[in-house]
Amino acid sequence: MADWQASAGATLLVPSGPEGKHLFVVVCDPVVLPGYGPHPCVVMVNLSTVRAGIPYDSTCVLQAGSHPFVAQESYVAYSGMRIDRVADLAARVEQGYFTPHDPMLAPI
């Protein structure tokens, strides 16, 4: 997946948290955002595993198998939303720091 493109539904494995990498999903096509300079940016959210006894955002819950990376019931962690410049993401992919994964086919 060396030809990764930042677009709605694209995914990346991003180092985060104590357990390695989380799957981040691009939720919009690149756009210039007020306050972020003249460079195209995307909004990304990550998926986190639902764990018994730990509160989570039930707005969007994904079942195991809904994406090749999702092995357990997971939720979209909208509170951890991030905005990244497309050029910065492309550089991190090129450096091998972020790993492209299969696209998310259904909207989140």
PDB file of N, CA and C in Angstrom:
ATOM      1  N   MET A   1       0.813  -1.187   0.000  1.00  0.00           N
ATOM      2  CA  MET A   1       0.000   0.000   0.000  1.00  0.00           C
ATOM      3  C   MET A   1       0.860   1.255   0.000  1.00  0.00           C
ATOM      4  N   ALA A   2       1.964   1.208  -0.694  1.00  0.00           N
ATOM      5  CA  ALA A   2       2.876   2.344  -0.741  1.00  0.00           C
ATOM      6  C   ALA A   2       2.238   3.560  -1.402  1.00  0.00           C
ATOM      7  N   ASP A   3       1.173   3.363  -2.168  1.00  0.00           N
ATOM      8  CA  ASP A   3       0.519   4.468  -2.852  1.00  0.00           C
ATOM      9  C   ASP A   3      -0.653   5.018  -2.040  1.00  0.00           C
ATOM     10  N   TRP A   4      -0.527   5.021  -0.722  1.00  0.00           N
ATOM     11  CA  TRP A   4      -1.589   5.494   0.154  1.00  0.00           C
ATOM     12  C   TRP A   4      -1.942   6.934  -0.173  1.00  0.00           C
ATOM     13  N   GLN A   5      -3.230   7.208  -0.212  1.00  0.00           N
ATOM     14  CA  GLN A   5      -3.720   8.556  -0.472  1.00  0.00           C
ATOM     15  C   GLN A   5      -4.645   8.977   0.659  1.00  0.00           C
ATOM     16  N   ALA A   6      -4.507  10.186   1.124  1.00  0.00           N
ATOM     17  CA  ALA A   6      -5.394  10.719   2.154  1.00  0.00           C
ATOM     18  C   ALA A   6      -6.739  11.048   1.517  1.00  0.00           C
ATOM     19  N   SER A   7      -7.751  10.269   1.842  1.00  0.00           N
ATOM     20  CA  SER A   7      -9.106  10.504   1.352  1.00  0.00           C
ATOM     21  C   SER A   7     -10.075   9.848   2.328  1.00  0.00           C
ATOM     22  N   ALA A   8     -11.321  10.246   2.267  1.00  0.00           N
ATOM     23  CA  ALA A   8     -12.321   9.697   3.182  1.00  0.00           C
ATOM     24  C   ALA A   8     -12.322   8.175   3.099  1.00  0.00           C
ATOM     25  N   GLY A   9     -12.216   7.525   4.256  1.00  0.00           N
ATOM     26  CA  GLY A   9     -12.211   6.065   4.328  1.00  0.00           C
ATOM     27  C   GLY A   9     -10.832   5.442   4.364  1.00  0.00           C
ATOM     28  N   ALA A  10      -9.796   6.206   4.015  1.00  0.00           N
ATOM     29  CA  ALA A  10      -8.423   5.678   4.091  1.00  0.00           C
ATOM     30  C   ALA A  10      -8.079   5.429   5.552  1.00  0.00           C
ATOM     31  N   THR A  11      -7.213   4.450   5.810  1.00  0.00           N
ATOM     32  CA  THR A  11      -6.835   4.128   7.179  1.00  0.00           C
ATOM     33  C   THR A  11      -5.327   4.046   7.334  1.00  0.00           C
ATOM     34  N   LEU A  12      -4.899   4.295   8.562  1.00  0.00           N
ATOM     35  CA  LEU A  12      -3.487   4.191   8.921  1.00  0.00           C
ATOM     36  C   LEU A  12      -3.370   3.577  10.302  1.00  0.00           C
ATOM     37  N   LEU A  13      -2.367   2.737  10.487  1.00  0.00           N
ATOM     38  CA  LEU A  13      -1.995   2.282  11.820  1.00  0.00           C
ATOM     39  C   LEU A  13      -1.004   3.302  12.358  1.00  0.00           C
ATOM     40  N   VAL A  14      -1.361   3.900  13.508  1.00  0.00           N
ATOM     41  CA  VAL A  14      -0.570   4.989  14.075  1.00  0.00           C
ATOM     42  C   VAL A  14      -0.127   4.587  15.481  1.00  0.00           C
ATOM     43  N   PRO A  15       1.172   4.703  15.785  1.00  0.00           N
ATOM     44  CA  PRO A  15       1.620   4.402  17.139  1.00  0.00           C
ATOM     45  C   PRO A  15       0.874   5.294  18.129  1.00  0.00           C
ATOM     46  N   SER A  16       0.249   4.664  19.129  1.00  0.00           N
ATOM     47  CA  SER A  16      -0.479   5.437  20.131  1.00  0.00           C
ATOM     48  C   SER A  16      -0.811   4.548  21.318  1.00  0.00           C
ATOM     49  N   GLY A  17      -0.806   5.149  22.473  1.00  0.00           N
ATOM     50  CA  GLY A  17      -1.157   4.418  23.675  1.00  0.00           C
ATOM     51  C   GLY A  17      -0.135   3.368  24.045  1.00  0.00           C
ATOM     52  N   PRO A  18      -0.381   2.706  25.164  1.00  0.00           N
ATOM     53  CA  PRO A  18       0.576   1.721  25.666  1.00  0.00           C
ATOM     54  C   PRO A  18       0.543   0.392  24.917  1.00  0.00           C
ATOM     55  N   GLU A  19      -0.471   0.171  24.086  1.00  0.00           N
ATOM     56  CA  GLU A  19      -0.621  -1.135  23.450  1.00  0.00           C
ATOM     57  C   GLU A  19      -0.223  -1.161  21.974  1.00  0.00           C
ATOM     58  N   GLY A  20       0.580  -0.240  21.538  1.00  0.00           N
ATOM     59  CA  GLY A  20       1.067  -0.303  20.165  1.00  0.00           C
ATOM     60  C   GLY A  20       0.404   0.670  19.228  1.00  0.00           C
ATOM     61  N   LYS A  21      -0.315   0.142  18.256  1.00  0.00           N
ATOM     62  CA  LYS A  21      -0.886   0.979  17.205  1.00  0.00           C
ATOM     63  C   LYS A  21      -2.411   0.916  17.223  1.00  0.00           C
ATOM     64  N   HIS A  22      -3.014   2.048  16.914  1.00  0.00           N
ATOM     65  CA  HIS A  22      -4.462   2.128  16.741  1.00  0.00           C
ATOM     66  C   HIS A  22      -4.745   2.374  15.269  1.00  0.00           C
ATOM     67  N   LEU A  23      -5.892   1.909  14.833  1.00  0.00           N
ATOM     68  CA  LEU A  23      -6.330   2.189  13.470  1.00  0.00           C
ATOM     69  C   LEU A  23      -7.002   3.550  13.459  1.00  0.00           C
ATOM     70  N   PHE A  24      -6.488   4.446  12.636  1.00  0.00           N
ATOM     71  CA  PHE A  24      -7.084   5.759  12.441  1.00  0.00           C
ATOM     72  C   PHE A  24      -7.750   5.784  11.071  1.00  0.00           C
ATOM     73  N   VAL A  25      -8.927   6.387  11.025  1.00  0.00           N
ATOM     74  CA  VAL A  25      -9.719   6.459   9.801  1.00  0.00           C
ATOM     75  C   VAL A  25      -9.852   7.918   9.394  1.00  0.00           C
ATOM     76  N   VAL A  26      -9.571   8.196   8.126  1.00  0.00           N
ATOM     77  CA  VAL A  26      -9.759   9.535   7.573  1.00  0.00           C
ATOM     78  C   VAL A  26     -11.255   9.717   7.325  1.00  0.00           C
ATOM     79  N   VAL A  27     -11.847  10.766   7.887  1.00  0.00           N
ATOM     80  CA  VAL A  27     -13.292  10.945   7.780  1.00  0.00           C
ATOM     81  C   VAL A  27     -13.726  11.966   6.735  1.00  0.00           C
ATOM     82  N   CYS A  28     -12.766  12.634   6.097  1.00  0.00           N
ATOM     83  CA  CYS A  28     -13.125  13.591   5.049  1.00  0.00           C
ATOM     84  C   CYS A  28     -12.001  13.657   4.025  1.00  0.00           C
ATOM     85  N   ASP A  29     -12.360  14.045   2.831  1.00  0.00           N
ATOM     86  CA  ASP A  29     -11.339  14.290   1.815  1.00  0.00           C
ATOM     87  C   ASP A  29     -10.533  15.529   2.222  1.00  0.00           C
ATOM     88  N   PRO A  30      -9.312  15.661   1.689  1.00  0.00           N
ATOM     89  CA  PRO A  30      -8.485  16.810   2.051  1.00  0.00           C
ATOM     90  C   PRO A  30      -9.173  18.143   1.755  1.00  0.00           C
ATOM     91  N   VAL A  31      -8.987  19.079   2.673  1.00  0.00           N
ATOM     92  CA  VAL A  31      -9.573  20.408   2.550  1.00  0.00           C
ATOM     93  C   VAL A  31      -8.689  21.400   3.299  1.00  0.00           C
ATOM     94  N   VAL A  32      -8.670  22.629   2.832  1.00  0.00           N
ATOM     95  CA  VAL A  32      -7.964  23.686   3.553  1.00  0.00           C
ATOM     96  C   VAL A  32      -8.901  24.158   4.654  1.00  0.00           C
ATOM     97  N   LEU A  33      -8.427  24.104   5.900  1.00  0.00           N
ATOM     98  CA  LEU A  33      -9.248  24.444   7.057  1.00  0.00           C
ATOM     99  C   LEU A  33      -8.831  25.796   7.643  1.00  0.00           C
ATOM    100  N   PRO A  34      -9.787  26.636   7.986  1.00  0.00           N
ATOM    101  CA  PRO A  34      -9.448  27.909   8.631  1.00  0.00           C
ATOM    102  C   PRO A  34      -8.636  27.660   9.901  1.00  0.00           C
ATOM    103  N   GLY A  35      -7.578  28.424  10.042  1.00  0.00           N
ATOM    104  CA  GLY A  35      -6.736  28.298  11.225  1.00  0.00           C
ATOM    105  C   GLY A  35      -5.626  27.264  11.098  1.00  0.00           C
ATOM    106  N   TYR A  36      -5.580  26.544   9.974  1.00  0.00           N
ATOM    107  CA  TYR A  36      -4.554  25.512   9.778  1.00  0.00           C
ATOM    108  C   TYR A  36      -3.634  25.821   8.599  1.00  0.00           C
ATOM    109  N   GLY A  37      -3.626  27.058   8.157  1.00  0.00           N
ATOM    110  CA  GLY A  37      -2.750  27.458   7.072  1.00  0.00           C
ATOM    111  C   GLY A  37      -3.304  27.079   5.703  1.00  0.00           C
ATOM    112  N   PRO A  38      -2.480  27.263   4.667  1.00  0.00           N
ATOM    113  CA  PRO A  38      -2.942  27.048   3.296  1.00  0.00           C
ATOM    114  C   PRO A  38      -2.823  25.606   2.805  1.00  0.00           C
ATOM    115  N   HIS A  39      -2.489  24.694   3.682  1.00  0.00           N
ATOM    116  CA  HIS A  39      -2.222  23.326   3.276  1.00  0.00           C
ATOM    117  C   HIS A  39      -3.454  22.431   3.476  1.00  0.00           C
ATOM    118  N   PRO A  40      -3.713  21.519   2.537  1.00  0.00           N
ATOM    119  CA  PRO A  40      -4.841  20.601   2.708  1.00  0.00           C
ATOM    120  C   PRO A  40      -4.650  19.726   3.951  1.00  0.00           C
ATOM    121  N   CYS A  41      -5.738  19.541   4.679  1.00  0.00           N
ATOM    122  CA  CYS A  41      -5.743  18.735   5.901  1.00  0.00           C
ATOM    123  C   CYS A  41      -6.867  17.704   5.831  1.00  0.00           C
ATOM    124  N   VAL A  42      -6.770  16.701   6.699  1.00  0.00           N
ATOM    125  CA  VAL A  42      -7.855  15.735   6.878  1.00  0.00           C
ATOM    126  C   VAL A  42      -8.138  15.585   8.365  1.00  0.00           C
ATOM    127  N   VAL A  43      -9.347  15.163   8.659  1.00  0.00           N
ATOM    128  CA  VAL A  43      -9.747  14.845  10.021  1.00  0.00           C
ATOM    129  C   VAL A  43      -9.671  13.330  10.155  1.00  0.00           C
ATOM    130  N   MET A  44      -9.081  12.852  11.255  1.00  0.00           N
ATOM    131  CA  MET A  44      -8.983  11.416  11.497  1.00  0.00           C
ATOM    132  C   MET A  44      -9.489  11.094  12.895  1.00  0.00           C
ATOM    133  N   VAL A  45     -10.105   9.923  13.013  1.00  0.00           N
ATOM    134  CA  VAL A  45     -10.528   9.400  14.317  1.00  0.00           C
ATOM    135  C   VAL A  45      -9.957   8.000  14.457  1.00  0.00           C
ATOM    136  N   ASN A  46      -9.770   7.576  15.711  1.00  0.00           N
ATOM    137  CA  ASN A  46      -9.231   6.232  15.904  1.00  0.00           C
ATOM    138  C   ASN A  46     -10.295   5.283  16.431  1.00  0.00           C
ATOM    139  N   LEU A  47     -10.039   4.002  16.259  1.00  0.00           N
ATOM    140  CA  LEU A  47     -10.908   2.964  16.791  1.00  0.00           C
ATOM    141  C   LEU A  47     -10.262   2.416  18.046  1.00  0.00           C
ATOM    142  N   SER A  48     -11.078   2.216  19.065  1.00  0.00           N
ATOM    143  CA  SER A  48     -10.605   1.663  20.331  1.00  0.00           C
ATOM    144  C   SER A  48     -11.476   0.478  20.713  1.00  0.00           C
ATOM    145  N   THR A  49     -10.889  -0.479  21.391  1.00  0.00           N
ATOM    146  CA  THR A  49     -11.608  -1.687  21.796  1.00  0.00           C
ATOM    147  C   THR A  49     -12.556  -1.387  22.946  1.00  0.00           C
ATOM    148  N   VAL A  50     -13.781  -1.914  22.840  1.00  0.00           N
ATOM    149  CA  VAL A  50     -14.732  -1.828  23.939  1.00  0.00           C
ATOM    150  C   VAL A  50     -14.252  -2.790  25.026  1.00  0.00           C
ATOM    151  N   ARG A  51     -14.141  -2.292  26.248  1.00  0.00           N
ATOM    152  CA  ARG A  51     -13.680  -3.113  27.366  1.00  0.00           C
ATOM    153  C   ARG A  51     -14.726  -3.064  28.488  1.00  0.00           C
ATOM    154  N   ALA A  52     -15.005  -4.228  29.049  1.00  0.00           N
ATOM    155  CA  ALA A  52     -15.998  -4.333  30.124  1.00  0.00           C
ATOM    156  C   ALA A  52     -15.633  -3.417  31.279  1.00  0.00           C
ATOM    157  N   GLY A  53     -16.620  -2.686  31.773  1.00  0.00           N
ATOM    158  CA  GLY A  53     -16.411  -1.837  32.929  1.00  0.00           C
ATOM    159  C   GLY A  53     -15.757  -0.500  32.641  1.00  0.00           C
ATOM    160  N   ILE A  54     -15.392  -0.241  31.392  1.00  0.00           N
ATOM    161  CA  ILE A  54     -14.754   1.027  31.040  1.00  0.00           C
ATOM    162  C   ILE A  54     -15.726   1.799  30.143  1.00  0.00           C
ATOM    163  N   PRO A  55     -16.114   3.005  30.551  1.00  0.00           N
ATOM    164  CA  PRO A  55     -17.047   3.789  29.739  1.00  0.00           C
ATOM    165  C   PRO A  55     -16.469   4.073  28.349  1.00  0.00           C
ATOM    166  N   TYR A  56     -17.357   4.128  27.361  1.00  0.00           N
ATOM    167  CA  TYR A  56     -16.931   4.434  25.993  1.00  0.00           C
ATOM    168  C   TYR A  56     -18.051   5.162  25.272  1.00  0.00           C
ATOM    169  N   ASP A  57     -17.701   5.785  24.172  1.00  0.00           N
ATOM    170  CA  ASP A  57     -18.656   6.515  23.348  1.00  0.00           C
ATOM    171  C   ASP A  57     -19.421   5.501  22.501  1.00  0.00           C
ATOM    172  N   SER A  58     -20.703   5.352  22.760  1.00  0.00           N
ATOM    173  CA  SER A  58     -21.503   4.354  22.037  1.00  0.00           C
ATOM    174  C   SER A  58     -22.128   4.905  20.765  1.00  0.00           C
ATOM    175  N   THR A  59     -21.708   6.102  20.341  1.00  0.00           N
ATOM    176  CA  THR A  59     -22.254   6.722  19.141  1.00  0.00           C
ATOM    177  C   THR A  59     -22.047   5.847  17.907  1.00  0.00           C
ATOM    178  N   CYS A  60     -20.869   5.250  17.786  1.00  0.00           N
ATOM    179  CA  CYS A  60     -20.558   4.405  16.626  1.00  0.00           C
ATOM    180  C   CYS A  60     -19.735   3.207  17.101  1.00  0.00           C
ATOM    181  N   VAL A  61     -20.394   2.053  17.182  1.00  0.00           N
ATOM    182  CA  VAL A  61     -19.743   0.822  17.619  1.00  0.00           C
ATOM    183  C   VAL A  61     -19.604  -0.097  16.413  1.00  0.00           C
ATOM    184  N   LEU A  62     -18.419  -0.663  16.263  1.00  0.00           N
ATOM    185  CA  LEU A  62     -18.133  -1.589  15.162  1.00  0.00           C
ATOM    186  C   LEU A  62     -17.973  -2.996  15.715  1.00  0.00           C
ATOM    187  N   GLN A  63     -18.531  -3.946  15.010  1.00  0.00           N
ATOM    188  CA  GLN A  63     -18.433  -5.338  15.436  1.00  0.00           C
ATOM    189  C   GLN A  63     -17.149  -5.960  14.886  1.00  0.00           C
ATOM    190  N   ALA A  64     -16.675  -6.990  15.559  1.00  0.00           N
ATOM    191  CA  ALA A  64     -15.494  -7.728  15.083  1.00  0.00           C
ATOM    192  C   ALA A  64     -15.727  -8.151  13.646  1.00  0.00           C
ATOM    193  N   GLY A  65     -14.718  -7.949  12.808  1.00  0.00           N
ATOM    194  CA  GLY A  65     -14.804  -8.332  11.406  1.00  0.00           C
ATOM    195  C   GLY A  65     -15.367  -7.263  10.497  1.00  0.00           C
ATOM    196  N   SER A  66     -15.809  -6.133  11.044  1.00  0.00           N
ATOM    197  CA  SER A  66     -16.348  -5.069  10.191  1.00  0.00           C
ATOM    198  C   SER A  66     -15.252  -4.391   9.368  1.00  0.00           C
ATOM    199  N   HIS A  67     -14.022  -4.599   9.754  1.00  0.00           N
ATOM    200  CA  HIS A  67     -12.818  -4.159   9.035  1.00  0.00           C
ATOM    201  C   HIS A  67     -11.760  -5.202   9.363  1.00  0.00           C
ATOM    202  N   PRO A  68     -10.844  -5.495   8.445  1.00  0.00           N
ATOM    203  CA  PRO A  68      -9.838  -6.532   8.719  1.00  0.00           C
ATOM    204  C   PRO A  68      -9.040  -6.320  10.007  1.00  0.00           C
ATOM    205  N   PHE A  69      -8.892  -5.088  10.474  1.00  0.00           N
ATOM    206  CA  PHE A  69      -8.124  -4.820  11.693  1.00  0.00           C
ATOM    207  C   PHE A  69      -8.970  -4.996  12.952  1.00  0.00           C
ATOM    208  N   VAL A  70     -10.283  -4.934  12.817  1.00  0.00           N
ATOM    209  CA  VAL A  70     -11.181  -4.963  13.973  1.00  0.00           C
ATOM    210  C   VAL A  70     -11.444  -6.406  14.382  1.00  0.00           C
ATOM    211  N   ALA A  71     -10.751  -6.845  15.443  1.00  0.00           N
ATOM    212  CA  ALA A  71     -10.867  -8.229  15.911  1.00  0.00           C
ATOM    213  C   ALA A  71     -11.848  -8.359  17.076  1.00  0.00           C
ATOM    214  N   GLN A  72     -12.180  -7.237  17.724  1.00  0.00           N
ATOM    215  CA  GLN A  72     -13.101  -7.233  18.854  1.00  0.00           C
ATOM    216  C   GLN A  72     -14.053  -6.051  18.681  1.00  0.00           C
ATOM    217  N   GLU A  73     -15.156  -6.091  19.410  1.00  0.00           N
ATOM    218  CA  GLU A  73     -16.078  -4.960  19.366  1.00  0.00           C
ATOM    219  C   GLU A  73     -15.284  -3.689  19.680  1.00  0.00           C
ATOM    220  N   SER A  74     -15.454  -2.676  18.850  1.00  0.00           N
ATOM    221  CA  SER A  74     -14.678  -1.442  18.979  1.00  0.00           C
ATOM    222  C   SER A  74     -15.594  -0.245  18.795  1.00  0.00           C
ATOM    223  N   TYR A  75     -15.108   0.910  19.180  1.00  0.00           N
ATOM    224  CA  TYR A  75     -15.882   2.134  19.005  1.00  0.00           C
ATOM    225  C   TYR A  75     -15.005   3.212  18.392  1.00  0.00           C
ATOM    226  N   VAL A  76     -15.665   4.167  17.746  1.00  0.00           N
ATOM    227  CA  VAL A  76     -14.951   5.303  17.184  1.00  0.00           C
ATOM    228  C   VAL A  76     -14.743   6.298  18.320  1.00  0.00           C
ATOM    229  N   ALA A  77     -13.488   6.590  18.596  1.00  0.00           N
ATOM    230  CA  ALA A  77     -13.140   7.496  19.698  1.00  0.00           C
ATOM    231  C   ALA A  77     -13.112   8.938  19.169  1.00  0.00           C
ATOM    232  N   TYR A  78     -14.302   9.487  18.964  1.00  0.00           N
ATOM    233  CA  TYR A  78     -14.404  10.840  18.422  1.00  0.00           C
ATOM    234  C   TYR A  78     -13.686  11.859  19.301  1.00  0.00           C
ATOM    235  N   SER A  79     -13.603  11.614  20.600  1.00  0.00           N
ATOM    236  CA  SER A  79     -12.939  12.565  21.494  1.00  0.00           C
ATOM    237  C   SER A  79     -11.442  12.676  21.194  1.00  0.00           C
ATOM    238  N   GLY A  80     -10.886  11.683  20.518  1.00  0.00           N
ATOM    239  CA  GLY A  80      -9.476  11.709  20.153  1.00  0.00           C
ATOM    240  C   GLY A  80      -9.241  12.160  18.724  1.00  0.00           C
ATOM    241  N   MET A  81     -10.237  12.822  18.146  1.00  0.00           N
ATOM    242  CA  MET A  81     -10.133  13.296  16.763  1.00  0.00           C
ATOM    243  C   MET A  81      -8.873  14.141  16.587  1.00  0.00           C
ATOM    244  N   ARG A  82      -8.276  14.013  15.428  1.00  0.00           N
ATOM    245  CA  ARG A  82      -7.087  14.804  15.139  1.00  0.00           C
ATOM    246  C   ARG A  82      -7.181  15.381  13.734  1.00  0.00           C
ATOM    247  N   ILE A  83      -6.514  16.488  13.534  1.00  0.00           N
ATOM    248  CA  ILE A  83      -6.437  17.124  12.222  1.00  0.00           C
ATOM    249  C   ILE A  83      -4.974  17.108  11.819  1.00  0.00           C
ATOM    250  N   ASP A  84      -4.707  16.562  10.632  1.00  0.00           N
ATOM    251  CA  ASP A  84      -3.331  16.456  10.137  1.00  0.00           C
ATOM    252  C   ASP A  84      -3.226  17.028   8.736  1.00  0.00           C
ATOM    253  N   ARG A  85      -2.080  17.647   8.473  1.00  0.00           N
ATOM    254  CA  ARG A  85      -1.791  18.076   7.104  1.00  0.00           C
ATOM    255  C   ARG A  85      -1.526  16.833   6.267  1.00  0.00           C
ATOM    256  N   VAL A  86      -2.053  16.819   5.062  1.00  0.00           N
ATOM    257  CA  VAL A  86      -1.883  15.684   4.158  1.00  0.00           C
ATOM    258  C   VAL A  86      -0.395  15.421   3.905  1.00  0.00           C
ATOM    259  N   ALA A  87       0.384  16.470   3.713  1.00  0.00           N
ATOM    260  CA  ALA A  87       1.824  16.303   3.455  1.00  0.00           C
ATOM    261  C   ALA A  87       2.526  15.642   4.637  1.00  0.00           C
ATOM    262  N   ASP A  88       2.119  15.980   5.861  1.00  0.00           N
ATOM    263  CA  ASP A  88       2.727  15.372   7.046  1.00  0.00           C
ATOM    264  C   ASP A  88       2.401  13.877   7.124  1.00  0.00           C
ATOM    265  N   LEU A  89       1.155  13.526   6.838  1.00  0.00           N
ATOM    266  CA  LEU A  89       0.780  12.104   6.838  1.00  0.00           C
ATOM    267  C   LEU A  89       1.564  11.337   5.786  1.00  0.00           C
ATOM    268  N   ALA A  90       1.647  11.903   4.585  1.00  0.00           N
ATOM    269  CA  ALA A  90       2.383  11.240   3.505  1.00  0.00           C
ATOM    270  C   ALA A  90       3.843  11.024   3.892  1.00  0.00           C
ATOM    271  N   ALA A  91       4.448  12.000   4.557  1.00  0.00           N
ATOM    272  CA  ALA A  91       5.843  11.864   4.995  1.00  0.00           C
ATOM    273  C   ALA A  91       5.982  10.761   6.035  1.00  0.00           C
ATOM    274  N   ARG A  92       5.051  10.668   6.968  1.00  0.00           N
ATOM    275  CA  ARG A  92       5.127   9.621   8.002  1.00  0.00           C
ATOM    276  C   ARG A  92       4.920   8.229   7.392  1.00  0.00           C
ATOM    277  N   VAL A  93       4.081   8.138   6.373  1.00  0.00           N
ATOM    278  CA  VAL A  93       3.904   6.864   5.671  1.00  0.00           C
ATOM    279  C   VAL A  93       5.202   6.512   4.947  1.00  0.00           C
ATOM    280  N   GLU A  94       5.778   7.469   4.261  1.00  0.00           N
ATOM    281  CA  GLU A  94       7.030   7.253   3.527  1.00  0.00           C
ATOM    282  C   GLU A  94       8.159   6.822   4.467  1.00  0.00           C
ATOM    283  N   GLN A  95       8.185   7.377   5.677  1.00  0.00           N
ATOM    284  CA  GLN A  95       9.214   7.035   6.665  1.00  0.00           C
ATOM    285  C   GLN A  95       8.953   5.689   7.337  1.00  0.00           C
ATOM    286  N   GLY A  96       7.754   5.148   7.143  1.00  0.00           N
ATOM    287  CA  GLY A  96       7.410   3.873   7.767  1.00  0.00           C
ATOM    288  C   GLY A  96       6.883   4.013   9.187  1.00  0.00           C
ATOM    289  N   TYR A  97       6.683   5.238   9.630  1.00  0.00           N
ATOM    290  CA  TYR A  97       6.188   5.477  10.988  1.00  0.00           C
ATOM    291  C   TYR A  97       4.688   5.182  11.075  1.00  0.00           C
ATOM    292  N   PHE A  98       3.918   5.558  10.049  1.00  0.00           N
ATOM    293  CA  PHE A  98       2.505   5.225   9.933  1.00  0.00           C
ATOM    294  C   PHE A  98       2.378   4.140   8.876  1.00  0.00           C
ATOM    295  N   THR A  99       1.527   3.160   9.125  1.00  0.00           N
ATOM    296  CA  THR A  99       1.372   2.031   8.224  1.00  0.00           C
ATOM    297  C   THR A  99      -0.005   2.040   7.578  1.00  0.00           C
ATOM    298  N   PRO A 100      -0.083   2.129   6.250  1.00  0.00           N
ATOM    299  CA  PRO A 100      -1.379   2.069   5.582  1.00  0.00           C
ATOM    300  C   PRO A 100      -2.062   0.726   5.840  1.00  0.00           C
ATOM    301  N   HIS A 101      -3.375   0.748   5.911  1.00  0.00           N
ATOM    302  CA  HIS A 101      -4.170  -0.465   6.092  1.00  0.00           C
ATOM    303  C   HIS A 101      -5.332  -0.405   5.097  1.00  0.00           C
ATOM    304  N   ASP A 102      -6.136  -1.470   5.069  1.00  0.00           N
ATOM    305  CA  ASP A 102      -7.282  -1.521   4.161  1.00  0.00           C
ATOM    306  C   ASP A 102      -8.215  -0.347   4.437  1.00  0.00           C
ATOM    307  N   PRO A 103      -8.856   0.181   3.391  1.00  0.00           N
ATOM    308  CA  PRO A 103      -9.782   1.282   3.597  1.00  0.00           C
ATOM    309  C   PRO A 103     -11.039   0.833   4.357  1.00  0.00           C
ATOM    310  N   MET A 104     -11.660   1.795   5.003  1.00  0.00           N
ATOM    311  CA  MET A 104     -12.946   1.579   5.674  1.00  0.00           C
ATOM    312  C   MET A 104     -14.008   1.804   4.602  1.00  0.00           C
ATOM    313  N   LEU A 105     -14.791   0.785   4.326  1.00  0.00           N
ATOM    314  CA  LEU A 105     -15.751   0.872   3.236  1.00  0.00           C
ATOM    315  C   LEU A 105     -17.051   1.555   3.632  1.00  0.00           C
ATOM    316  N   ALA A 106     -17.463   1.421   4.888  1.00  0.00           N
ATOM    317  CA  ALA A 106     -18.697   2.052   5.339  1.00  0.00           C
ATOM    318  C   ALA A 106     -18.363   3.346   6.065  1.00  0.00           C
ATOM    319  N   PRO A 107     -19.195   4.356   5.932  1.00  0.00           N
ATOM    320  CA  PRO A 107     -18.925   5.607   6.641  1.00  0.00           C
ATOM    321  C   PRO A 107     -18.958   5.413   8.147  1.00  0.00           C
ATOM    322  N   ILE A 108     -18.115   6.181   8.839  1.00  0.00           N
ATOM    323  CA  ILE A 108     -18.151   6.135  10.298  1.00  0.00           C
ATOM    324  C   ILE A 108     -18.565   7.476  10.744  1.00  0.00           C
TER     325      ILE A 108
END
